[in-house]
Amino acid sequence: MKVWFAATEATPFIKTGGLADVVGSLPLALAEEGAEVSVVLPNYGQIKEQFKSEMEFLFDFIVPVGWRQQFGAVLRLKQDGVTFYFIDNEYYFNRDGIIYGHYDDAERFAYFSRAVLEMIQHLDRAEVPDVIHCHDWQTGVIPAFLRIHYQHLERYQDIKTVFTIHNLQYQGVFPEEVLGDLLGLSHEHFTMDGLAHNGLVNYMKAGLVHANQITTVSPSYRDEIMDPYYGESLESILQHRAVDVRGILNGIDYRQFNPETDEHLVENYDVETAEEGKAVNKEALQKELGLPVNPDVPLFGFVSRLVDQKGIDLLAHILPDLFELDAQFIILGSGEAEYEGLFHHATTIRPDKVASYIGFDVGLAQRIYAGSDAFLMPSRFEPCGLSQLISMKYGSLPVVRETGGLRDTVTPFNQFTLEGNGFSFSNYNAHDFLDAIKRTIDVYQDKPVFKHLIETAMEEDFSWIRSADEYLALYHLIAPSVD
């Protein structure tokens, strides 16, 4: 089974969010399960020289972008059993700063998507993929291009596509003229059954309409986006294709997120030494961020973008109530200026209760996972979530809202059976969130029970192998002739 991943970020090369972790880790797990996996990425200027120096030039070629004929080159790097192809075009990808949010993103990712398919003509026949697995709106037009521009060509006739929704909120929406000018498609494709949505061209919808199979990053998120509240106006398209939409839970790479080997921690530990190891890391974290050193109060961590999707409005609403609790809180993240200012002010007026770091620091994030007793994720919606999986591995019990992947991974504590690996609340309500925090504090006082919950959480297995097996089964479903 030859599988290509087409994506716009992947660790360790370039990262803005959780998509990069998936595209960096899932192909490695697929390769371990016997698939032949390649990943196609833009060759951004921000990729470190240590990787660029290892890239091998394969060929240059011409990429059609509407009426334009643009230059492209393909570079290759092999790592950990996976082949990485990089599409090189300095005009589109050698830019300072952000990799998304440029005025010509419609053109940049139309070019990239067309290049992914165009390069197949220049490779040996043995390298032609059986399945192209596309990720998020930036590659949503690949299934459309394949079906409309390429499927009549002999080399492309057996290629199937999978399109994964990582976050339905971001759809790649552009003016109608993009259809012909950049995508090279006639007006007959600007319909309700094609790429048109609310009078605009929608790259996400292109993937939903034309891919052979659609996946989301958790079973619950798959069900939620069929409903208007979560469907971001695309629920009718998803309902129409419901039989082809599957929810496959993301995993995490335990080679990267592991308290036994994490170099950012003051002291490493495993499930057997968690009580002592976490105590040392907690004391160091309290000192690092200026909180009173107190092993007897529960320490809650929050590592996230400071935006409403992450439930930051709920946290802001109950902030005065948190000051009255016998607990401490650490907030790490950046985002909306209103929330950045609020938490900075909270640290100023109550340094005994709240510590905040506005920005992002990978090492500090890892130390928060290790040093905190519990981890807050009150998300409005969460397609899968990575932080709750990391926090459990580090023995920081997640306190989550029951939505998307949070619902699928966090089992709320049952005081009668002592089962569970965290705490949860259902309604998107600040007082329900506060109640979940108070319940966590109450259980924290029962040290044997809290220790049991930590051990249960740390022993959970959310590795990528389980997900890889589900994806392989899906690939074989749509390409059954492949061994």
Protein backbone atom coordinates (compact mmCIF):
# COMPACT_ATOMS: atom_id res chain seq x y z
CA MET A 1 0.00 0.00 0.00
CA LYS A 2 1.61 3.25 -1.19
CA VAL A 3 0.17 6.24 0.66
CA TRP A 4 0.95 9.91 0.15
CA PHE A 5 0.16 12.53 2.76
CA ALA A 6 -0.45 15.98 1.25
CA ALA A 7 -0.25 18.62 3.96
CA THR A 8 1.07 22.10 4.64
CA GLU A 9 2.92 21.43 7.89
CA ALA A 10 4.59 18.54 9.69
CA THR A 11 6.96 18.12 12.58
CA PRO A 12 9.91 18.40 12.77
CA PHE A 13 10.06 20.66 9.69
CA ILE A 14 7.37 23.30 10.19
CA LYS A 15 4.60 23.66 12.79
CA THR A 16 1.79 26.05 13.67
CA GLY A 17 -0.58 23.63 15.41
CA GLY A 18 -1.78 20.09 15.97
CA LEU A 19 -1.93 19.30 12.24
CA ALA A 20 1.86 19.24 12.19
CA ASP A 21 1.96 16.68 15.00
CA VAL A 22 -0.44 14.39 13.13
CA VAL A 23 1.40 14.61 9.80
CA GLY A 24 4.73 14.20 11.56
CA SER A 25 3.72 11.12 13.57
CA LEU A 26 1.00 9.14 11.77
CA PRO A 27 3.14 8.35 8.68
CA LEU A 28 5.82 6.85 10.94
CA ALA A 29 3.22 4.57 12.56
CA LEU A 30 1.85 3.58 9.14
CA ALA A 31 5.36 2.72 7.97
CA GLU A 32 5.86 0.56 11.06
CA GLU A 33 2.65 -1.28 10.09
CA GLY A 34 4.04 -2.06 6.64
CA ALA A 35 2.76 0.75 4.43
CA GLU A 36 5.04 2.64 2.02
CA VAL A 37 4.47 6.23 3.07
CA SER A 38 5.49 9.57 1.58
CA VAL A 39 4.65 13.08 2.76
CA VAL A 40 4.45 16.06 0.37
CA LEU A 41 5.04 19.51 1.91
CA PRO A 42 5.80 23.04 0.71
CA ASN A 43 9.48 23.90 0.99
CA TYR A 44 9.04 26.90 3.27
CA GLY A 45 11.87 29.33 3.85
CA GLN A 46 11.37 28.82 7.60
CA ILE A 47 12.48 25.16 7.46
CA LYS A 48 15.79 24.87 9.29
CA GLU A 49 19.00 24.63 7.33
CA GLN A 50 19.86 21.32 9.01
CA PHE A 51 16.97 19.76 7.05
CA LYS A 52 17.48 21.74 3.85
CA SER A 53 21.09 20.58 3.67
CA GLU A 54 19.89 16.96 3.65
CA MET A 55 17.38 17.44 0.84
CA GLU A 56 18.14 15.85 -2.52
CA PHE A 57 17.08 17.64 -5.72
CA LEU A 58 15.00 15.34 -7.95
CA PHE A 59 13.67 17.43 -10.83
CA ASP A 60 12.04 20.70 -11.84
CA PHE A 61 8.72 20.92 -13.64
CA ILE A 62 5.93 23.27 -14.73
CA VAL A 63 2.80 23.60 -12.59
CA PRO A 64 -0.39 25.00 -14.17
CA VAL A 65 -2.21 27.51 -11.95
CA GLY A 66 -5.27 28.56 -13.90
CA TRP A 67 -3.87 30.28 -17.01
CA ARG A 68 -0.38 30.55 -15.49
CA GLN A 69 2.54 28.18 -15.98
CA GLN A 70 4.59 28.32 -12.78
CA PHE A 71 8.01 26.87 -11.99
CA GLY A 72 8.36 24.11 -9.45
CA ALA A 73 11.03 21.76 -8.18
CA VAL A 74 10.84 18.62 -6.08
CA LEU A 75 13.33 17.86 -3.31
CA ARG A 76 13.45 14.64 -1.30
CA LEU A 77 14.53 13.68 2.20
CA LYS A 78 14.18 10.22 3.74
CA GLN A 79 13.75 9.95 7.50
CA ASP A 80 12.65 7.14 9.83
CA GLY A 81 11.31 5.00 7.00
CA VAL A 82 9.22 7.80 5.47
CA THR A 83 9.97 9.73 2.26
CA PHE A 84 9.39 13.48 2.45
CA TYR A 85 8.93 15.41 -0.80
CA PHE A 86 9.22 19.20 -0.72
CA ILE A 87 7.61 21.38 -3.42
CA ASP A 88 10.00 24.25 -4.03
CA ASN A 89 8.89 27.67 -5.29
CA GLU A 90 10.45 30.69 -3.65
CA TYR A 91 7.74 33.12 -4.75
CA TYR A 92 5.02 31.18 -2.94
CA PHE A 93 6.85 29.67 0.02
CA ASN A 94 10.04 31.60 0.81
CA ARG A 95 8.41 34.27 2.96
CA ASP A 96 9.22 35.59 6.40
CA GLY A 97 6.88 35.13 9.33
CA ILE A 98 3.59 33.27 9.11
CA ILE A 99 2.95 30.41 6.70
CA TYR A 100 -0.82 31.11 6.51
CA GLY A 101 -2.70 34.37 6.27
CA HIS A 102 -1.06 35.89 3.18
CA TYR A 103 -3.13 37.88 0.68
CA ASP A 104 -2.62 35.21 -2.00
CA ASP A 105 -3.26 32.04 0.02
CA ALA A 106 -5.86 30.95 -2.53
CA GLU A 107 -3.15 30.95 -5.19
CA ARG A 108 -0.38 29.54 -2.99
CA PHE A 109 -2.34 26.45 -2.01
CA ALA A 110 -3.92 26.01 -5.45
CA TYR A 111 -0.35 25.87 -6.73
CA PHE A 112 0.73 23.40 -4.05
CA SER A 113 -2.28 21.16 -4.61
CA ARG A 114 -1.76 21.12 -8.38
CA ALA A 115 1.97 20.45 -7.89
CA VAL A 116 1.25 17.38 -5.72
CA LEU A 117 -0.61 15.81 -8.64
CA GLU A 118 1.57 17.15 -11.43
CA MET A 119 4.76 15.70 -9.92
CA ILE A 120 3.35 12.17 -10.26
CA GLN A 121 3.97 12.35 -14.01
CA HIS A 122 7.68 12.83 -13.37
CA LEU A 123 8.21 9.93 -10.94
CA ASP A 124 8.87 6.28 -11.69
CA ARG A 125 5.68 4.28 -12.12
CA ALA A 126 6.55 2.28 -8.99
CA GLU A 127 6.30 5.47 -6.90
CA VAL A 128 2.76 6.38 -7.96
CA PRO A 129 0.54 6.38 -4.82
CA ASP A 130 -2.49 4.17 -4.32
CA VAL A 131 -4.03 6.71 -1.94
CA ILE A 132 -3.46 10.44 -1.45
CA HIS A 133 -4.44 11.47 2.07
CA CYS A 134 -5.23 15.20 2.12
CA HIS A 135 -5.35 17.33 5.26
CA ASP A 136 -7.53 20.40 5.89
CA TRP A 137 -8.67 23.11 3.48
CA GLN A 138 -5.23 23.92 2.09
CA THR A 139 -5.27 20.58 0.23
CA GLY A 140 -9.03 20.30 -0.23
CA VAL A 141 -8.87 20.95 -3.98
CA ILE A 142 -6.58 17.94 -4.58
CA PRO A 143 -9.50 15.46 -4.77
CA ALA A 144 -11.31 17.89 -7.12
CA PHE A 145 -8.22 18.35 -9.32
CA LEU A 146 -7.67 14.59 -9.45
CA ARG A 147 -11.24 13.85 -10.53
CA ILE A 148 -11.60 16.73 -13.00
CA HIS A 149 -8.11 17.36 -14.43
CA TYR A 150 -6.28 14.03 -14.10
CA GLN A 151 -8.52 10.99 -13.65
CA HIS A 152 -8.77 10.40 -17.42
CA LEU A 153 -4.99 9.90 -17.59
CA GLU A 154 -3.86 6.27 -17.30
CA ARG A 155 -1.35 6.90 -14.52
CA TYR A 156 -3.99 8.51 -12.29
CA GLN A 157 -6.98 6.26 -12.86
CA ASP A 158 -6.48 4.03 -9.81
CA ILE A 159 -5.51 6.74 -7.31
CA LYS A 160 -8.02 7.22 -4.46
CA THR A 161 -8.29 10.10 -2.00
CA VAL A 162 -9.00 10.52 1.70
CA PHE A 163 -9.71 13.98 3.10
CA THR A 164 -9.27 14.65 6.84
CA ILE A 165 -11.02 17.51 8.63
CA HIS A 166 -8.80 18.70 11.46
CA ASN A 167 -10.89 21.80 12.19
CA LEU A 168 -14.04 22.57 10.21
CA GLN A 169 -13.97 26.21 11.30
CA TYR A 170 -11.17 27.03 8.85
CA GLN A 171 -12.44 26.41 5.31
CA GLY A 172 -10.42 28.41 2.77
CA VAL A 173 -13.14 30.66 1.36
CA PHE A 174 -12.38 32.86 -1.67
CA PRO A 175 -14.17 34.92 -4.37
CA GLU A 176 -15.90 33.23 -7.31
CA GLU A 177 -13.25 34.32 -9.82
CA VAL A 178 -10.76 31.96 -8.13
CA LEU A 179 -12.58 29.06 -9.83
CA GLY A 180 -11.30 29.80 -13.32
CA ASP A 181 -8.39 32.10 -12.54
CA LEU A 182 -6.54 29.79 -10.13
CA LEU A 183 -8.19 26.38 -10.26
CA GLY A 184 -8.71 26.19 -14.01
CA LEU A 185 -12.30 25.02 -13.57
CA SER A 186 -15.30 26.03 -15.64
CA HIS A 187 -18.40 27.70 -14.19
CA GLU A 188 -20.26 24.37 -14.24
CA HIS A 189 -18.34 23.50 -11.03
CA PHE A 190 -19.64 26.61 -9.23
CA THR A 191 -22.77 24.85 -7.97
CA MET A 192 -24.27 23.51 -4.78
CA ASP A 193 -22.96 20.08 -5.79
CA GLY A 194 -19.52 21.50 -6.56
CA LEU A 195 -17.20 24.09 -5.01
CA ALA A 196 -19.72 26.88 -4.47
CA HIS A 197 -20.86 27.66 -0.94
CA ASN A 198 -22.68 30.82 0.10
CA GLY A 199 -21.65 32.49 -3.16
CA LEU A 200 -17.94 31.79 -2.70
CA VAL A 201 -15.40 29.13 -3.66
CA ASN A 202 -14.79 26.88 -0.67
CA TYR A 203 -11.61 24.75 -0.68
CA MET A 204 -12.80 22.67 2.28
CA LYS A 205 -16.02 21.84 0.48
CA ALA A 206 -14.02 20.72 -2.57
CA GLY A 207 -12.49 17.98 -0.43
CA LEU A 208 -15.82 17.03 1.13
CA VAL A 209 -17.50 16.68 -2.27
CA HIS A 210 -14.76 14.95 -4.26
CA ALA A 211 -12.75 12.74 -1.84
CA ASN A 212 -13.48 9.01 -1.84
CA GLN A 213 -13.57 8.98 1.96
CA ILE A 214 -13.70 11.68 4.63
CA THR A 215 -12.34 11.41 8.15
CA THR A 216 -12.39 13.54 11.26
CA VAL A 217 -9.91 13.31 14.13
CA SER A 218 -12.29 11.78 16.69
CA PRO A 219 -15.55 9.80 16.60
CA SER A 220 -17.49 12.37 18.63
CA TYR A 221 -16.38 15.27 16.41
CA ARG A 222 -17.57 13.25 13.41
CA ASP A 223 -21.06 13.12 14.94
CA GLU A 224 -21.03 16.72 16.15
CA ILE A 225 -20.30 18.29 12.75
CA MET A 226 -23.45 16.71 11.32
CA ASP A 227 -25.32 19.21 13.52
CA PRO A 228 -25.70 22.93 12.67
CA TYR A 229 -24.14 24.03 16.00
CA TYR A 230 -20.79 22.47 15.06
CA GLY A 231 -21.23 22.10 11.29
CA GLU A 232 -19.98 25.60 10.38
CA SER A 233 -22.68 25.79 7.64
CA LEU A 234 -21.35 22.62 5.94
CA GLU A 235 -23.51 20.16 7.89
CA SER A 236 -25.83 19.45 4.95
CA ILE A 237 -22.89 18.36 2.76
CA LEU A 238 -21.58 16.17 5.57
CA GLN A 239 -25.01 14.67 6.17
CA HIS A 240 -25.29 13.86 2.47
CA ARG A 241 -21.97 11.99 2.63
CA ALA A 242 -22.45 10.61 6.14
CA VAL A 243 -21.83 7.00 5.07
CA ASP A 244 -18.36 8.05 3.86
CA VAL A 245 -17.41 10.06 6.98
CA ARG A 246 -15.47 8.28 9.73
CA GLY A 247 -14.08 9.46 13.03
CA ILE A 248 -10.59 8.11 13.78
CA LEU A 249 -9.06 9.31 17.02
CA ASN A 250 -5.69 11.00 16.84
CA GLY A 251 -2.80 9.66 18.89
CA ILE A 252 0.40 11.14 20.27
CA ASP A 253 4.01 10.24 19.74
CA TYR A 254 5.30 8.90 23.06
CA ARG A 255 8.86 9.30 21.81
CA GLN A 256 8.24 13.04 22.00
CA PHE A 257 5.86 13.23 24.97
CA ASN A 258 7.21 11.02 27.73
CA PRO A 259 8.05 12.08 31.30
CA GLU A 260 10.68 9.31 31.47
CA THR A 261 12.82 10.94 28.78
CA ASP A 262 11.66 14.56 28.52
CA GLU A 263 14.78 16.77 28.67
CA HIS A 264 12.75 19.82 29.73
CA LEU A 265 11.87 18.38 33.14
CA VAL A 266 13.72 18.94 36.38
CA GLU A 267 13.38 15.24 37.17
CA ASN A 268 12.19 12.40 34.96
CA TYR A 269 9.71 9.84 36.23
CA ASP A 270 7.40 7.01 35.18
CA VAL A 271 4.18 5.64 36.59
CA GLU A 272 6.09 3.85 39.38
CA THR A 273 7.94 6.99 40.49
CA ALA A 274 5.27 9.55 39.60
CA GLU A 275 4.48 10.59 43.17
CA GLU A 276 8.06 11.63 43.93
CA GLY A 277 8.86 12.85 40.41
CA LYS A 278 5.83 15.07 40.10
CA ALA A 279 6.42 16.54 43.55
CA VAL A 280 9.92 17.64 42.53
CA ASN A 281 8.65 19.12 39.26
CA LYS A 282 5.77 20.86 41.02
CA GLU A 283 8.07 22.59 43.51
CA ALA A 284 10.43 23.67 40.71
CA LEU A 285 7.50 25.00 38.64
CA GLN A 286 6.11 27.00 41.55
CA LYS A 287 9.55 28.56 42.08
CA GLU A 288 10.03 29.23 38.36
CA LEU A 289 6.78 31.16 38.03
CA GLY A 290 6.81 32.89 41.41
CA LEU A 291 4.00 30.99 43.09
CA PRO A 292 4.25 30.13 46.79
CA VAL A 293 5.90 26.73 47.17
CA ASN A 294 3.20 24.58 48.70
CA PRO A 295 2.92 20.83 48.01
CA ASP A 296 -0.48 20.62 49.71
CA VAL A 297 -2.55 22.77 47.30
CA PRO A 298 -3.56 21.44 43.89
CA LEU A 299 -1.86 23.15 40.96
CA PHE A 300 -3.94 23.54 37.77
CA GLY A 301 -2.28 24.09 34.39
CA PHE A 302 -3.70 25.67 31.23
CA VAL A 303 -1.66 25.63 28.00
CA SER A 304 -3.54 26.89 24.97
CA ARG A 305 -4.29 29.65 22.53
CA LEU A 306 -6.25 32.35 24.36
CA VAL A 307 -9.32 32.24 22.11
CA ASP A 308 -12.99 31.46 22.70
CA GLN A 309 -12.81 28.03 21.03
CA LYS A 310 -10.62 26.89 23.91
CA GLY A 311 -13.14 27.98 26.55
CA ILE A 312 -11.01 30.88 27.67
CA ASP A 313 -14.16 32.97 28.15
CA LEU A 314 -15.35 30.48 30.78
CA LEU A 315 -12.01 30.68 32.58
CA ALA A 316 -12.12 34.47 32.47
CA HIS A 317 -15.67 34.51 33.85
CA ILE A 318 -14.84 32.46 36.95
CA LEU A 319 -11.47 34.08 37.64
CA PRO A 320 -12.70 35.93 40.78
CA ASP A 321 -14.09 32.63 42.10
CA LEU A 322 -10.74 30.91 41.55
CA PHE A 323 -9.09 33.47 43.85
CA GLU A 324 -11.23 32.09 46.69
CA LEU A 325 -10.23 28.45 46.19
CA ASP A 326 -7.43 26.68 47.98
CA ALA A 327 -5.56 26.08 44.72
CA GLN A 328 -3.07 27.61 42.28
CA PHE A 329 -3.38 28.23 38.53
CA ILE A 330 -0.83 28.57 35.72
CA ILE A 331 -1.80 29.96 32.32
CA LEU A 332 0.51 29.68 29.29
CA GLY A 333 -0.54 30.97 25.90
CA SER A 334 -1.23 33.91 23.63
CA GLY A 335 -4.17 35.07 21.58
CA GLU A 336 -6.80 37.75 21.98
CA ALA A 337 -5.47 40.91 23.62
CA GLU A 338 -8.43 41.08 26.01
CA TYR A 339 -7.51 37.75 27.58
CA GLU A 340 -3.77 38.36 27.54
CA GLY A 341 -4.34 41.56 29.52
CA LEU A 342 -6.79 39.92 31.89
CA PHE A 343 -4.48 37.11 32.95
CA HIS A 344 -1.47 39.39 33.18
CA HIS A 345 -3.53 41.59 35.52
CA ALA A 346 -4.63 38.56 37.54
CA THR A 347 -0.99 37.61 38.09
CA THR A 348 -0.26 41.16 39.25
CA ILE A 349 -3.07 41.36 41.82
CA ARG A 350 -3.00 37.74 43.04
CA PRO A 351 0.53 36.37 42.58
CA ASP A 352 -0.24 33.87 45.33
CA LYS A 353 -2.96 32.25 43.18
CA VAL A 354 -2.24 32.85 39.50
CA ALA A 355 0.87 32.78 37.34
CA SER A 356 0.68 33.61 33.64
CA TYR A 357 3.15 33.50 30.77
CA ILE A 358 1.87 35.33 27.69
CA GLY A 359 3.51 33.75 24.67
CA PHE A 360 4.66 30.22 24.14
CA ASP A 361 7.63 28.27 25.46
CA VAL A 362 7.90 24.56 24.63
CA GLY A 363 10.02 23.75 27.66
CA LEU A 364 7.70 25.58 30.05
CA ALA A 365 4.69 23.81 28.54
CA GLN A 366 6.29 20.44 29.24
CA ARG A 367 7.14 21.47 32.79
CA ILE A 368 3.51 22.53 33.33
CA TYR A 369 2.32 19.09 32.22
CA ALA A 370 4.77 17.48 34.65
CA GLY A 371 4.39 19.85 37.58
CA SER A 372 0.65 20.43 37.62
CA ASP A 373 -1.81 18.14 39.39
CA ALA A 374 -4.65 18.82 36.96
CA PHE A 375 -5.00 20.33 33.50
CA LEU A 376 -7.83 22.60 32.30
CA MET A 377 -9.47 22.17 28.85
CA PRO A 378 -12.96 23.75 28.92
CA SER A 379 -13.22 23.89 25.10
CA ARG A 380 -16.29 25.14 23.28
CA PHE A 381 -15.43 22.50 20.66
CA GLU A 382 -12.37 20.27 20.26
CA PRO A 383 -11.96 18.11 17.12
CA CYS A 384 -9.55 15.85 18.99
CA GLY A 385 -7.26 17.66 21.36
CA LEU A 386 -3.64 16.88 22.05
CA SER A 387 -3.10 18.50 25.44
CA GLN A 388 -5.38 16.13 27.36
CA LEU A 389 -3.47 13.15 25.94
CA ILE A 390 -0.14 14.68 26.93
CA SER A 391 -1.36 15.70 30.36
CA MET A 392 -2.53 12.16 31.13
CA LYS A 393 0.83 10.72 30.13
CA TYR A 394 2.48 13.19 32.51
CA GLY A 395 0.04 12.41 35.33
CA SER A 396 -1.82 15.73 35.23
CA LEU A 397 -5.52 14.87 35.37
CA PRO A 398 -7.56 16.61 32.65
CA VAL A 399 -10.59 18.71 33.57
CA VAL A 400 -12.51 18.96 30.31
CA ARG A 401 -15.79 19.83 28.70
CA GLU A 402 -17.45 16.79 27.15
CA THR A 403 -17.02 17.60 23.46
CA GLY A 404 -15.25 16.05 20.47
CA GLY A 405 -12.07 14.18 21.26
CA LEU A 406 -12.24 15.26 24.90
CA ARG A 407 -15.37 13.17 25.31
CA ASP A 408 -13.68 10.22 23.57
CA THR A 409 -10.52 10.21 25.68
CA VAL A 410 -11.40 11.46 29.17
CA THR A 411 -13.47 9.16 31.39
CA PRO A 412 -14.90 11.22 34.29
CA PHE A 413 -14.09 10.09 37.81
CA ASN A 414 -16.74 7.90 39.39
CA GLN A 415 -16.65 8.29 43.16
CA PHE A 416 -18.40 4.95 43.72
CA THR A 417 -16.29 2.69 41.48
CA LEU A 418 -13.12 4.87 41.55
CA GLU A 419 -12.94 4.52 37.77
CA GLY A 420 -11.88 7.36 35.50
CA ASN A 421 -8.86 9.27 34.26
CA GLY A 422 -10.03 12.85 34.74
CA PHE A 423 -12.97 15.17 35.43
CA SER A 424 -15.56 16.63 33.08
CA PHE A 425 -18.65 18.80 32.67
CA SER A 426 -21.26 18.75 29.91
CA ASN A 427 -22.88 22.15 29.33
CA TYR A 428 -20.87 25.08 28.05
CA ASN A 429 -21.38 26.99 31.25
CA ALA A 430 -18.90 28.78 33.50
CA HIS A 431 -20.50 27.59 36.73
CA ASP A 432 -20.45 23.96 35.57
CA PHE A 433 -16.77 24.42 34.79
CA LEU A 434 -16.18 25.88 38.25
CA ASP A 435 -18.01 22.93 39.79
CA ALA A 436 -15.71 20.50 37.95
CA ILE A 437 -12.68 22.34 39.33
CA LYS A 438 -14.10 22.16 42.86
CA ARG A 439 -14.74 18.43 42.47
CA THR A 440 -11.12 17.99 41.41
CA ILE A 441 -9.94 19.87 44.51
CA ASP A 442 -12.12 17.69 46.73
CA VAL A 443 -10.72 14.46 45.29
CA TYR A 444 -7.19 15.87 45.53
CA GLN A 445 -7.57 15.87 49.30
CA ASP A 446 -7.96 12.07 49.23
CA LYS A 447 -4.36 11.28 48.36
CA PRO A 448 -4.72 7.49 47.77
CA VAL A 449 -7.64 8.02 45.36
CA PHE A 450 -5.92 10.87 43.52
CA LYS A 451 -2.75 8.75 43.23
CA HIS A 452 -4.85 5.93 41.77
CA LEU A 453 -6.34 8.29 39.17
CA ILE A 454 -2.89 9.53 38.18
CA GLU A 455 -1.67 5.98 37.67
CA THR A 456 -4.76 5.15 35.60
CA ALA A 457 -4.24 8.21 33.40
CA MET A 458 -0.53 7.52 32.87
CA GLU A 459 -1.22 3.93 31.83
CA GLU A 460 -3.67 4.92 29.08
CA ASP A 461 -2.44 4.09 25.58
CA PHE A 462 -3.11 6.75 22.96
CA SER A 463 -0.21 5.80 20.70
CA TRP A 464 -0.52 6.16 16.92
CA ILE A 465 -0.45 2.41 16.17
CA ARG A 466 -4.16 1.99 16.93
CA SER A 467 -5.03 4.92 14.65
CA ALA A 468 -2.64 3.68 11.96
CA ASP A 469 -4.42 0.33 11.83
CA GLU A 470 -7.77 2.07 11.36
CA TYR A 471 -6.40 4.23 8.56
CA LEU A 472 -4.85 1.22 6.83
CA ALA A 473 -8.21 -0.54 6.92
CA LEU A 474 -9.79 2.54 5.35
CA TYR A 475 -7.14 2.72 2.61
CA HIS A 476 -7.72 -0.96 1.78
CA LEU A 477 -11.46 -0.34 1.66
CA ILE A 478 -11.12 2.19 -1.17
CA ALA A 479 -8.12 0.50 -2.86
CA PRO A 480 -8.98 -3.17 -2.30
CA SER A 481 -6.74 -4.53 -5.08
CA VAL A 482 -3.59 -3.39 -3.26
CA ASP A 483 -1.84 -6.05 -1.16
